[in-house]
Amino acid sequence: KRMRYEYENMTKLAGCPQILNVFDYDDSSHSYLMEQADMNLATYLQGEVDLSFDDRLKIVMDILKGMSYAHSHSIIHRDLHLGNVLKIGNDYVICDFGLSKDLSISRSMKSSYTQKNNHLFVDPLALSDFTLLDHKSDIYSIGKMIDYIFTYNAATDNHPLKTIVERCICRDKALRYDSVDQIIADVEMTLKLQTEEDRKKGIVSKI
């Protein structure tokens, strides 16, 4: 039942390039085919010692676009971590919607009370009760992933999106972003301001 539920939720998101494609559910074996990937994000990061800022930003933006699409279709993931993001060529796609929930269905798949997420990325407010995970829990996980992606094997823990991360993972849910689209807008604004600041420094340096 859970395999069928995961497959159905993923087919609802088939129009998004940042969500893994699935095909041909087999009722007899309770299985389905999926797009082949190169590796998951955790493995990729472990093998890369010198990722540029642009490389890291590409990963983050693909995750944000995928989760924006999922949330816009009322699907929350509830199990976001580096192992559930796959690298396919130069793109990154979100997979494993086995613990996802379709908020548009009142009698959706019941969740257990058992912790199933990677502890580094799960919303601590839901550690004692998995059923408390919601779209703002996805936002918490996104924030932790952004921070990890920009600090892993980096020279410093500081990065331009640090303020965005802090809002994503705020313990007070009311202070977190209300949507992934808000995160994307803040990322774009931060990058724009950073570019403008770099341009000003370049002018001053020339003067």
N, C-alpha and C. Protein backbone atom coordinates (compact mmCIF):
# COMPACT_ATOMS: atom_id res chain seq x y z
N LYS A 1 0.83 -1.21 0.00
CA LYS A 1 0.00 0.00 0.00
C LYS A 1 0.86 1.26 0.00
N ARG A 2 1.93 1.22 0.80
CA ARG A 2 2.81 2.39 0.87
C ARG A 2 3.56 2.59 -0.44
N MET A 3 3.97 1.50 -1.09
CA MET A 3 4.66 1.62 -2.38
C MET A 3 3.73 2.25 -3.42
N ARG A 4 2.49 1.81 -3.45
CA ARG A 4 1.52 2.38 -4.39
C ARG A 4 1.31 3.86 -4.09
N TYR A 5 1.24 4.21 -2.83
CA TYR A 5 1.02 5.59 -2.41
C TYR A 5 2.19 6.47 -2.84
N GLU A 6 3.42 5.96 -2.64
CA GLU A 6 4.61 6.72 -3.06
C GLU A 6 4.59 6.93 -4.57
N TYR A 7 4.30 5.88 -5.31
CA TYR A 7 4.26 5.96 -6.77
C TYR A 7 3.22 6.98 -7.23
N GLU A 8 2.04 6.96 -6.63
CA GLU A 8 0.98 7.89 -7.02
C GLU A 8 1.38 9.33 -6.75
N ASN A 9 2.00 9.58 -5.60
CA ASN A 9 2.44 10.94 -5.28
C ASN A 9 3.52 11.42 -6.25
N MET A 10 4.42 10.53 -6.63
CA MET A 10 5.49 10.93 -7.54
C MET A 10 4.97 11.15 -8.95
N THR A 11 3.97 10.40 -9.37
CA THR A 11 3.41 10.63 -10.71
C THR A 11 2.66 11.96 -10.77
N LYS A 12 2.14 12.43 -9.63
CA LYS A 12 1.49 13.73 -9.60
C LYS A 12 2.49 14.86 -9.86
N LEU A 13 3.77 14.56 -9.64
CA LEU A 13 4.82 15.57 -9.79
C LEU A 13 5.66 15.34 -11.05
N ALA A 14 5.13 14.54 -11.98
CA ALA A 14 5.89 14.13 -13.16
C ALA A 14 6.30 15.31 -14.06
N GLY A 15 5.63 16.44 -13.95
CA GLY A 15 5.95 17.57 -14.82
C GLY A 15 7.14 18.39 -14.37
N CYS A 16 7.78 17.99 -13.27
CA CYS A 16 8.89 18.80 -12.72
C CYS A 16 10.24 18.15 -13.03
N PRO A 17 11.16 18.88 -13.68
CA PRO A 17 12.49 18.33 -14.00
C PRO A 17 13.32 18.00 -12.75
N GLN A 18 12.96 18.57 -11.60
CA GLN A 18 13.74 18.35 -10.38
C GLN A 18 13.15 17.26 -9.48
N ILE A 19 12.18 16.50 -10.02
CA ILE A 19 11.62 15.36 -9.31
C ILE A 19 11.92 14.10 -10.13
N LEU A 20 12.38 13.03 -9.48
CA LEU A 20 12.72 11.80 -10.18
C LEU A 20 11.50 11.22 -10.89
N ASN A 21 11.68 10.79 -12.13
CA ASN A 21 10.60 10.17 -12.89
C ASN A 21 10.41 8.71 -12.49
N VAL A 22 9.15 8.28 -12.39
CA VAL A 22 8.84 6.89 -12.08
C VAL A 22 7.88 6.35 -13.15
N PHE A 23 7.92 5.02 -13.36
CA PHE A 23 7.15 4.42 -14.44
C PHE A 23 6.61 3.04 -14.04
N ASP A 24 5.55 2.62 -14.69
CA ASP A 24 5.11 1.22 -14.76
C ASP A 24 4.99 0.53 -13.40
N TYR A 25 4.01 0.94 -12.63
CA TYR A 25 3.77 0.25 -11.36
C TYR A 25 3.29 -1.17 -11.61
N ASP A 26 3.87 -2.13 -10.89
CA ASP A 26 3.52 -3.55 -11.04
C ASP A 26 2.78 -4.00 -9.79
N ASP A 27 1.47 -4.25 -9.92
CA ASP A 27 0.66 -4.65 -8.77
C ASP A 27 1.05 -6.01 -8.22
N SER A 28 1.56 -6.88 -9.07
CA SER A 28 1.89 -8.23 -8.60
C SER A 28 3.14 -8.24 -7.71
N SER A 29 4.11 -7.37 -8.04
CA SER A 29 5.35 -7.34 -7.24
C SER A 29 5.42 -6.13 -6.32
N HIS A 30 4.40 -5.27 -6.40
CA HIS A 30 4.39 -4.04 -5.59
C HIS A 30 5.67 -3.25 -5.79
N SER A 31 5.99 -3.01 -7.06
CA SER A 31 7.22 -2.29 -7.38
C SER A 31 6.99 -1.42 -8.60
N TYR A 32 7.95 -0.53 -8.87
CA TYR A 32 7.87 0.30 -10.07
C TYR A 32 9.28 0.62 -10.55
N LEU A 33 9.37 1.05 -11.79
CA LEU A 33 10.65 1.46 -12.35
C LEU A 33 10.89 2.93 -12.07
N MET A 34 12.14 3.31 -12.02
CA MET A 34 12.47 4.72 -11.84
C MET A 34 13.67 5.09 -12.68
N GLU A 35 13.80 6.37 -12.92
CA GLU A 35 14.92 6.92 -13.68
C GLU A 35 16.24 6.51 -13.01
N GLN A 36 17.23 6.17 -13.82
CA GLN A 36 18.53 5.81 -13.26
C GLN A 36 19.35 7.06 -12.99
N ALA A 37 19.96 7.11 -11.81
CA ALA A 37 20.78 8.26 -11.43
C ALA A 37 22.25 7.84 -11.30
N ASP A 38 23.13 8.82 -11.26
CA ASP A 38 24.56 8.55 -11.11
C ASP A 38 24.91 8.17 -9.68
N MET A 39 24.37 8.93 -8.73
CA MET A 39 24.65 8.72 -7.30
C MET A 39 23.78 9.67 -6.51
N ASN A 40 23.73 9.47 -5.18
CA ASN A 40 22.99 10.44 -4.37
C ASN A 40 23.90 11.59 -3.96
N LEU A 41 23.30 12.64 -3.44
CA LEU A 41 24.04 13.86 -3.14
C LEU A 41 25.08 13.65 -2.04
N ALA A 42 24.77 12.82 -1.06
CA ALA A 42 25.72 12.56 0.02
C ALA A 42 27.02 11.97 -0.54
N THR A 43 26.88 10.99 -1.43
CA THR A 43 28.06 10.36 -2.04
C THR A 43 28.82 11.34 -2.92
N TYR A 44 28.07 12.16 -3.67
CA TYR A 44 28.70 13.13 -4.56
C TYR A 44 29.54 14.14 -3.77
N LEU A 45 28.98 14.67 -2.70
CA LEU A 45 29.70 15.66 -1.90
C LEU A 45 30.96 15.06 -1.27
N GLN A 46 30.87 13.81 -0.86
CA GLN A 46 32.03 13.16 -0.24
C GLN A 46 33.19 13.01 -1.22
N GLY A 47 32.87 12.91 -2.51
CA GLY A 47 33.91 12.71 -3.51
C GLY A 47 34.44 13.99 -4.13
N GLU A 48 33.79 15.13 -3.82
CA GLU A 48 34.20 16.40 -4.40
C GLU A 48 34.88 17.27 -3.34
N VAL A 49 36.14 17.57 -3.54
CA VAL A 49 36.88 18.33 -2.53
C VAL A 49 36.93 19.83 -2.83
N ASP A 50 36.55 20.22 -4.05
CA ASP A 50 36.69 21.63 -4.41
C ASP A 50 35.50 22.09 -5.25
N LEU A 51 34.32 22.08 -4.67
CA LEU A 51 33.13 22.55 -5.37
C LEU A 51 33.10 24.07 -5.36
N SER A 52 32.85 24.68 -6.50
CA SER A 52 32.76 26.14 -6.57
C SER A 52 31.44 26.62 -5.97
N PHE A 53 31.35 27.92 -5.74
CA PHE A 53 30.10 28.50 -5.24
C PHE A 53 28.97 28.24 -6.22
N ASP A 54 29.24 28.40 -7.51
CA ASP A 54 28.21 28.18 -8.52
C ASP A 54 27.73 26.73 -8.54
N ASP A 55 28.66 25.78 -8.33
CA ASP A 55 28.29 24.36 -8.28
C ASP A 55 27.34 24.11 -7.11
N ARG A 56 27.68 24.67 -5.97
CA ARG A 56 26.85 24.49 -4.77
C ARG A 56 25.48 25.17 -4.95
N LEU A 57 25.51 26.35 -5.57
CA LEU A 57 24.26 27.07 -5.80
C LEU A 57 23.34 26.29 -6.73
N LYS A 58 23.90 25.65 -7.74
CA LYS A 58 23.11 24.83 -8.67
C LYS A 58 22.37 23.72 -7.92
N ILE A 59 23.06 23.05 -7.00
CA ILE A 59 22.43 21.99 -6.21
C ILE A 59 21.28 22.55 -5.40
N VAL A 60 21.54 23.66 -4.71
CA VAL A 60 20.52 24.28 -3.86
C VAL A 60 19.31 24.71 -4.67
N MET A 61 19.53 25.35 -5.81
CA MET A 61 18.40 25.84 -6.61
C MET A 61 17.58 24.70 -7.18
N ASP A 62 18.21 23.60 -7.55
CA ASP A 62 17.46 22.44 -8.04
C ASP A 62 16.56 21.87 -6.93
N ILE A 63 17.11 21.79 -5.72
CA ILE A 63 16.31 21.30 -4.58
C ILE A 63 15.14 22.24 -4.31
N LEU A 64 15.41 23.55 -4.32
CA LEU A 64 14.36 24.53 -4.06
C LEU A 64 13.26 24.47 -5.13
N LYS A 65 13.65 24.35 -6.39
CA LYS A 65 12.65 24.29 -7.46
C LYS A 65 11.80 23.03 -7.35
N GLY A 66 12.44 21.91 -7.03
CA GLY A 66 11.71 20.66 -6.87
C GLY A 66 10.71 20.71 -5.73
N MET A 67 11.14 21.27 -4.59
CA MET A 67 10.25 21.32 -3.44
C MET A 67 9.17 22.38 -3.61
N SER A 68 9.47 23.45 -4.34
CA SER A 68 8.44 24.44 -4.64
C SER A 68 7.33 23.80 -5.46
N TYR A 69 7.72 22.99 -6.43
CA TYR A 69 6.74 22.31 -7.28
C TYR A 69 5.91 21.32 -6.46
N ALA A 70 6.58 20.55 -5.63
CA ALA A 70 5.87 19.57 -4.80
C ALA A 70 4.85 20.26 -3.89
N HIS A 71 5.28 21.30 -3.20
CA HIS A 71 4.38 22.02 -2.28
C HIS A 71 3.22 22.67 -3.04
N SER A 72 3.49 23.16 -4.24
CA SER A 72 2.42 23.79 -5.03
C SER A 72 1.38 22.77 -5.47
N HIS A 73 1.75 21.48 -5.42
CA HIS A 73 0.82 20.40 -5.73
C HIS A 73 0.37 19.67 -4.46
N SER A 74 0.51 20.36 -3.33
CA SER A 74 0.02 19.88 -2.03
C SER A 74 0.76 18.65 -1.52
N ILE A 75 1.95 18.36 -2.05
CA ILE A 75 2.74 17.21 -1.59
C ILE A 75 3.87 17.70 -0.68
N ILE A 76 3.89 17.21 0.56
CA ILE A 76 5.03 17.47 1.44
C ILE A 76 5.87 16.20 1.50
N HIS A 77 7.18 16.36 1.59
CA HIS A 77 8.09 15.22 1.48
C HIS A 77 8.27 14.50 2.81
N ARG A 78 8.63 15.23 3.85
CA ARG A 78 8.78 14.75 5.23
C ARG A 78 10.00 13.85 5.45
N ASP A 79 10.84 13.69 4.44
CA ASP A 79 12.03 12.84 4.61
C ASP A 79 13.20 13.38 3.79
N LEU A 80 13.34 14.70 3.78
CA LEU A 80 14.39 15.33 2.97
C LEU A 80 15.75 15.22 3.65
N HIS A 81 16.69 14.63 2.94
CA HIS A 81 18.08 14.63 3.37
C HIS A 81 18.96 14.35 2.15
N LEU A 82 20.26 14.36 2.32
CA LEU A 82 21.18 14.26 1.18
C LEU A 82 21.03 12.96 0.41
N GLY A 83 20.60 11.90 1.08
CA GLY A 83 20.43 10.62 0.41
C GLY A 83 19.23 10.58 -0.50
N ASN A 84 18.30 11.52 -0.33
CA ASN A 84 17.09 11.55 -1.14
C ASN A 84 17.14 12.62 -2.23
N VAL A 85 18.34 13.07 -2.53
CA VAL A 85 18.58 13.93 -3.70
C VAL A 85 19.58 13.19 -4.58
N LEU A 86 19.23 12.98 -5.84
CA LEU A 86 20.06 12.21 -6.75
C LEU A 86 20.68 13.09 -7.83
N LYS A 87 21.87 12.76 -8.23
CA LYS A 87 22.57 13.47 -9.32
C LYS A 87 22.35 12.71 -10.62
N ILE A 88 21.83 13.40 -11.62
CA ILE A 88 21.66 12.82 -12.95
C ILE A 88 22.33 13.78 -13.94
N GLY A 89 23.52 13.42 -14.40
CA GLY A 89 24.29 14.35 -15.22
C GLY A 89 24.67 15.56 -14.40
N ASN A 90 24.29 16.74 -14.87
CA ASN A 90 24.59 17.97 -14.13
C ASN A 90 23.38 18.49 -13.36
N ASP A 91 22.36 17.67 -13.23
CA ASP A 91 21.14 18.08 -12.54
C ASP A 91 20.93 17.26 -11.27
N TYR A 92 20.10 17.81 -10.38
CA TYR A 92 19.83 17.17 -9.09
C TYR A 92 18.32 17.04 -8.93
N VAL A 93 17.88 15.83 -8.60
CA VAL A 93 16.44 15.57 -8.52
C VAL A 93 16.10 14.96 -7.16
N ILE A 94 14.89 15.23 -6.71
CA ILE A 94 14.42 14.74 -5.42
C ILE A 94 13.72 13.40 -5.63
N CYS A 95 13.99 12.45 -4.74
CA CYS A 95 13.38 11.13 -4.86
C CYS A 95 12.83 10.69 -3.51
N ASP A 96 12.41 9.44 -3.45
CA ASP A 96 11.96 8.78 -2.23
C ASP A 96 10.84 9.54 -1.52
N PHE A 97 9.65 9.45 -2.09
CA PHE A 97 8.48 10.08 -1.49
C PHE A 97 7.67 9.06 -0.67
N GLY A 98 8.36 8.06 -0.13
CA GLY A 98 7.69 7.02 0.63
C GLY A 98 7.03 7.50 1.90
N LEU A 99 7.51 8.61 2.43
CA LEU A 99 6.91 9.18 3.65
C LEU A 99 6.18 10.49 3.35
N SER A 100 5.96 10.75 2.07
CA SER A 100 5.30 12.00 1.69
C SER A 100 3.83 11.96 2.06
N LYS A 101 3.21 13.13 1.98
CA LYS A 101 1.79 13.24 2.31
C LYS A 101 1.13 14.20 1.33
N ASP A 102 -0.01 13.78 0.80
CA ASP A 102 -0.79 14.65 -0.08
C ASP A 102 -1.80 15.38 0.80
N LEU A 103 -1.57 16.68 1.00
CA LEU A 103 -2.41 17.46 1.89
C LEU A 103 -3.81 17.67 1.34
N SER A 104 -4.00 17.38 0.04
CA SER A 104 -5.32 17.57 -0.56
C SER A 104 -6.24 16.37 -0.30
N ILE A 105 -5.67 15.30 0.26
CA ILE A 105 -6.47 14.10 0.57
C ILE A 105 -6.65 14.01 2.08
N SER A 106 -7.88 14.08 2.53
CA SER A 106 -8.13 14.09 3.97
C SER A 106 -7.76 12.75 4.61
N ARG A 107 -7.98 11.65 3.89
CA ARG A 107 -7.63 10.35 4.42
C ARG A 107 -6.36 9.87 3.75
N SER A 108 -5.30 10.61 3.98
CA SER A 108 -4.01 10.27 3.39
C SER A 108 -3.38 9.14 4.19
N MET A 109 -2.27 8.61 3.69
CA MET A 109 -1.58 7.52 4.37
C MET A 109 -1.20 7.94 5.78
N LYS A 110 -1.57 7.13 6.74
CA LYS A 110 -1.26 7.45 8.14
C LYS A 110 0.24 7.32 8.37
N SER A 111 0.74 8.21 9.20
CA SER A 111 2.16 8.18 9.54
C SER A 111 2.33 7.44 10.86
N SER A 112 3.47 6.81 10.98
CA SER A 112 3.78 6.19 12.27
C SER A 112 4.40 7.24 13.18
N TYR A 113 4.59 6.87 14.44
CA TYR A 113 5.20 7.80 15.39
C TYR A 113 6.71 7.56 15.50
N THR A 114 7.24 6.76 14.61
CA THR A 114 8.64 6.40 14.68
C THR A 114 9.49 7.36 13.88
N GLN A 115 10.62 7.77 14.44
CA GLN A 115 11.53 8.64 13.71
C GLN A 115 12.14 7.87 12.55
N LYS A 116 12.02 8.43 11.32
CA LYS A 116 12.54 7.73 10.15
C LYS A 116 13.52 8.60 9.36
N ASN A 117 13.68 9.83 9.74
CA ASN A 117 14.49 10.74 8.95
C ASN A 117 15.94 10.71 9.40
N ASN A 118 16.81 11.20 8.53
CA ASN A 118 18.20 11.42 8.89
C ASN A 118 18.22 12.49 9.98
N HIS A 119 18.81 12.17 11.12
CA HIS A 119 18.67 13.05 12.29
C HIS A 119 19.30 14.42 12.09
N LEU A 120 20.21 14.57 11.13
CA LEU A 120 20.83 15.87 10.90
C LEU A 120 19.88 16.86 10.24
N PHE A 121 18.84 16.35 9.59
CA PHE A 121 17.98 17.20 8.77
C PHE A 121 16.52 17.23 9.22
N VAL A 122 16.14 16.37 10.15
CA VAL A 122 14.74 16.33 10.58
C VAL A 122 14.43 17.48 11.52
N ASP A 123 13.23 18.00 11.42
CA ASP A 123 12.75 19.07 12.29
C ASP A 123 12.71 18.56 13.73
N PRO A 124 13.49 19.14 14.64
CA PRO A 124 13.52 18.65 16.02
C PRO A 124 12.17 18.75 16.73
N LEU A 125 11.29 19.61 16.24
CA LEU A 125 9.97 19.75 16.86
C LEU A 125 9.11 18.52 16.61
N ALA A 126 9.53 17.67 15.66
CA ALA A 126 8.74 16.48 15.34
C ALA A 126 9.46 15.19 15.71
N LEU A 127 10.58 15.29 16.42
CA LEU A 127 11.34 14.09 16.77
C LEU A 127 10.51 13.11 17.61
N SER A 128 9.68 13.64 18.47
CA SER A 128 8.89 12.79 19.35
C SER A 128 7.60 12.30 18.70
N ASP A 129 7.22 12.90 17.58
CA ASP A 129 5.96 12.53 16.94
C ASP A 129 6.05 12.84 15.45
N PHE A 130 6.28 11.81 14.65
CA PHE A 130 6.48 11.98 13.21
C PHE A 130 5.27 12.61 12.53
N THR A 131 4.08 12.45 13.09
CA THR A 131 2.87 12.99 12.47
C THR A 131 2.83 14.51 12.51
N LEU A 132 3.72 15.13 13.30
CA LEU A 132 3.74 16.59 13.39
C LEU A 132 4.49 17.23 12.21
N LEU A 133 5.17 16.43 11.40
CA LEU A 133 5.90 16.98 10.26
C LEU A 133 4.94 17.58 9.24
N ASP A 134 5.25 18.81 8.80
CA ASP A 134 4.39 19.50 7.84
C ASP A 134 5.27 20.24 6.83
N HIS A 135 4.68 21.18 6.07
CA HIS A 135 5.46 21.86 5.02
C HIS A 135 6.58 22.70 5.63
N LYS A 136 6.39 23.19 6.85
CA LYS A 136 7.45 23.98 7.49
C LYS A 136 8.57 23.07 8.02
N SER A 137 8.26 21.80 8.19
CA SER A 137 9.30 20.84 8.52
C SER A 137 10.17 20.58 7.29
N ASP A 138 9.54 20.54 6.12
CA ASP A 138 10.31 20.46 4.87
C ASP A 138 11.23 21.67 4.75
N ILE A 139 10.73 22.84 5.11
CA ILE A 139 11.53 24.07 5.03
C ILE A 139 12.71 24.00 5.99
N TYR A 140 12.50 23.43 7.18
CA TYR A 140 13.60 23.22 8.12
C TYR A 140 14.68 22.34 7.46
N SER A 141 14.25 21.22 6.88
CA SER A 141 15.19 20.29 6.24
C SER A 141 15.94 20.97 5.09
N ILE A 142 15.22 21.79 4.32
CA ILE A 142 15.86 22.54 3.23
C ILE A 142 16.95 23.45 3.77
N GLY A 143 16.67 24.15 4.86
CA GLY A 143 17.65 25.03 5.47
C GLY A 143 18.90 24.29 5.91
N LYS A 144 18.71 23.14 6.54
CA LYS A 144 19.86 22.34 6.99
C LYS A 144 20.67 21.84 5.80
N MET A 145 19.97 21.48 4.72
CA MET A 145 20.67 21.01 3.52
C MET A 145 21.46 22.13 2.86
N ILE A 146 20.86 23.32 2.77
CA ILE A 146 21.57 24.47 2.19
C ILE A 146 22.86 24.72 2.95
N ASP A 147 22.77 24.73 4.28
CA ASP A 147 23.94 25.00 5.11
C ASP A 147 25.01 23.92 4.90
N TYR A 148 24.58 22.68 4.85
CA TYR A 148 25.53 21.57 4.67
C TYR A 148 26.22 21.68 3.30
N ILE A 149 25.44 21.96 2.27
CA ILE A 149 25.99 22.03 0.91
C ILE A 149 27.04 23.14 0.79
N PHE A 150 26.79 24.28 1.45
CA PHE A 150 27.72 25.40 1.33
C PHE A 150 28.90 25.32 2.29
N THR A 151 28.82 24.49 3.32
CA THR A 151 29.93 24.43 4.28
C THR A 151 30.75 23.15 4.16
N TYR A 152 30.22 22.12 3.49
CA TYR A 152 30.96 20.86 3.40
C TYR A 152 32.24 21.05 2.59
N ASN A 153 33.37 20.71 3.19
CA ASN A 153 34.69 20.86 2.56
C ASN A 153 35.00 22.29 2.15
N ALA A 154 34.33 23.24 2.79
CA ALA A 154 34.59 24.66 2.50
C ALA A 154 35.59 25.21 3.51
N ALA A 155 36.21 26.31 3.14
CA ALA A 155 37.24 26.90 4.01
C ALA A 155 36.64 27.54 5.25
N THR A 156 35.36 27.92 5.18
CA THR A 156 34.70 28.59 6.30
C THR A 156 33.25 28.13 6.42
N ASP A 157 32.70 28.24 7.62
CA ASP A 157 31.29 27.90 7.83
C ASP A 157 30.37 29.04 7.41
N ASN A 158 30.96 30.19 7.11
CA ASN A 158 30.15 31.35 6.71
C ASN A 158 29.89 31.32 5.21
N HIS A 159 28.71 31.73 4.81
CA HIS A 159 28.37 31.80 3.38
C HIS A 159 27.24 32.80 3.20
N PRO A 160 27.01 33.27 1.97
CA PRO A 160 26.03 34.35 1.73
C PRO A 160 24.59 33.99 2.10
N LEU A 161 24.26 32.69 2.18
CA LEU A 161 22.88 32.30 2.46
C LEU A 161 22.66 31.94 3.94
N LYS A 162 23.58 32.32 4.78
CA LYS A 162 23.51 31.95 6.21
C LYS A 162 22.25 32.51 6.88
N THR A 163 21.90 33.75 6.57
CA THR A 163 20.70 34.35 7.16
C THR A 163 19.44 33.62 6.72
N ILE A 164 19.42 33.19 5.48
CA ILE A 164 18.28 32.43 4.96
C ILE A 164 18.17 31.09 5.69
N VAL A 165 19.31 30.44 5.90
CA VAL A 165 19.33 29.18 6.64
C VAL A 165 18.77 29.37 8.04
N GLU A 166 19.19 30.43 8.71
CA GLU A 166 18.75 30.68 10.08
C GLU A 166 17.23 30.84 10.17
N ARG A 167 16.64 31.48 9.17
CA ARG A 167 15.18 31.62 9.18
C ARG A 167 14.50 30.28 8.89
N CYS A 168 15.08 29.49 8.01
CA CYS A 168 14.51 28.18 7.68
C CYS A 168 14.44 27.27 8.91
N ILE A 169 15.48 27.32 9.75
CA ILE A 169 15.59 26.35 10.83
C ILE A 169 15.20 26.94 12.19
N CYS A 170 14.58 28.11 12.19
CA CYS A 170 14.17 28.74 13.45
C CYS A 170 13.29 27.78 14.25
N ARG A 171 13.54 27.66 15.54
CA ARG A 171 12.76 26.74 16.38
C ARG A 171 11.30 27.16 16.47
N ASP A 172 11.05 28.46 16.35
CA ASP A 172 9.67 28.94 16.32
C ASP A 172 9.15 28.82 14.90
N LYS A 173 8.26 27.86 14.67
CA LYS A 173 7.77 27.62 13.31
C LYS A 173 7.14 28.86 12.68
N ALA A 174 6.53 29.69 13.50
CA ALA A 174 5.85 30.88 12.98
C ALA A 174 6.83 31.84 12.32
N LEU A 175 8.11 31.77 12.70
CA LEU A 175 9.12 32.67 12.16
C LEU A 175 9.83 32.10 10.93
N ARG A 176 9.57 30.83 10.62
CA ARG A 176 10.16 30.24 9.42
C ARG A 176 9.47 30.78 8.18
N TYR A 177 10.10 30.55 7.04
CA TYR A 177 9.45 30.91 5.77
C TYR A 177 8.12 30.19 5.65
N ASP A 178 7.16 30.87 5.04
CA ASP A 178 5.84 30.26 4.83
C ASP A 178 5.82 29.39 3.58
N SER A 179 6.76 29.61 2.67
CA SER A 179 6.78 28.83 1.43
C SER A 179 8.19 28.74 0.88
N VAL A 180 8.42 27.74 0.04
CA VAL A 180 9.71 27.59 -0.62
C VAL A 180 9.94 28.73 -1.60
N ASP A 181 8.86 29.24 -2.20
CA ASP A 181 8.99 30.36 -3.13
C ASP A 181 9.59 31.59 -2.44
N GLN A 182 9.26 31.78 -1.17
CA GLN A 182 9.85 32.90 -0.41
C GLN A 182 11.36 32.70 -0.25
N ILE A 183 11.78 31.45 -0.05
CA ILE A 183 13.21 31.17 0.06
C ILE A 183 13.91 31.49 -1.25
N ILE A 184 13.31 31.04 -2.36
CA ILE A 184 13.89 31.30 -3.68
C ILE A 184 14.03 32.81 -3.92
N ALA A 185 13.00 33.57 -3.55
CA ALA A 185 13.04 35.03 -3.74
C ALA A 185 14.16 35.64 -2.92
N ASP A 186 14.35 35.17 -1.68
CA ASP A 186 15.41 35.71 -0.83
C ASP A 186 16.79 35.31 -1.34
N VAL A 187 16.93 34.10 -1.86
CA VAL A 187 18.20 33.67 -2.44
C VAL A 187 18.56 34.57 -3.62
N GLU A 188 17.59 34.81 -4.49
CA GLU A 188 17.84 35.66 -5.66
C GLU A 188 18.18 37.08 -5.25
N MET A 189 17.50 37.61 -4.24
CA MET A 189 17.79 38.95 -3.76
C MET A 189 19.18 39.02 -3.13
N THR A 190 19.54 38.02 -2.35
CA THR A 190 20.85 37.97 -1.71
C THR A 190 21.96 37.94 -2.75
N LEU A 191 21.77 37.14 -3.79
CA LEU A 191 22.78 37.05 -4.85
C LEU A 191 22.90 38.36 -5.62
N LYS A 192 21.76 39.02 -5.83
CA LYS A 192 21.76 40.30 -6.52
C LYS A 192 22.52 41.34 -5.71
N LEU A 193 22.25 41.39 -4.41
CA LEU A 193 22.94 42.35 -3.53
C LEU A 193 24.42 42.04 -3.46
N GLN A 194 24.77 40.74 -3.44
CA GLN A 194 26.17 40.33 -3.39
C GLN A 194 26.89 40.78 -4.66
N THR A 195 26.23 40.60 -5.80
CA THR A 195 26.82 41.01 -7.08
C THR A 195 27.04 42.53 -7.11
N GLU A 196 26.04 43.26 -6.62
CA GLU A 196 26.14 44.73 -6.58
C GLU A 196 27.27 45.17 -5.66
N GLU A 197 27.40 44.48 -4.52
CA GLU A 197 28.47 44.81 -3.57
C GLU A 197 29.83 44.53 -4.19
N ASP A 198 29.95 43.41 -4.87
CA ASP A 198 31.22 43.07 -5.53
C ASP A 198 31.55 44.10 -6.62
N ARG A 199 30.52 44.58 -7.34
CA ARG A 199 30.74 45.57 -8.38
C ARG A 199 31.25 46.88 -7.78
N LYS A 200 30.67 47.28 -6.65
CA LYS A 200 31.09 48.52 -5.98
C LYS A 200 32.54 48.40 -5.51
N LYS A 201 32.89 47.24 -4.94
CA LYS A 201 34.25 47.03 -4.47
C LYS A 201 35.23 47.11 -5.64
N GLY A 202 34.81 46.56 -6.80
CA GLY A 202 35.67 46.61 -7.98
C GLY A 202 35.90 48.03 -8.44
N ILE A 203 34.87 48.86 -8.38
CA ILE A 203 34.99 50.27 -8.79
C ILE A 203 35.91 51.02 -7.84
N VAL A 204 35.71 50.81 -6.54
CA VAL A 204 36.55 51.46 -5.52
C VAL A 204 38.00 51.06 -5.70
N SER A 205 38.22 49.75 -5.97
CA SER A 205 39.58 49.24 -6.16
C SER A 205 40.25 49.92 -7.35
N LYS A 206 39.51 50.12 -8.43
CA LYS A 206 40.07 50.77 -9.61
C LYS A 206 40.39 52.22 -9.35
N ILE A 207 39.49 52.88 -8.57
CA ILE A 207 39.71 54.28 -8.24
C ILE A 207 40.99 54.43 -7.41
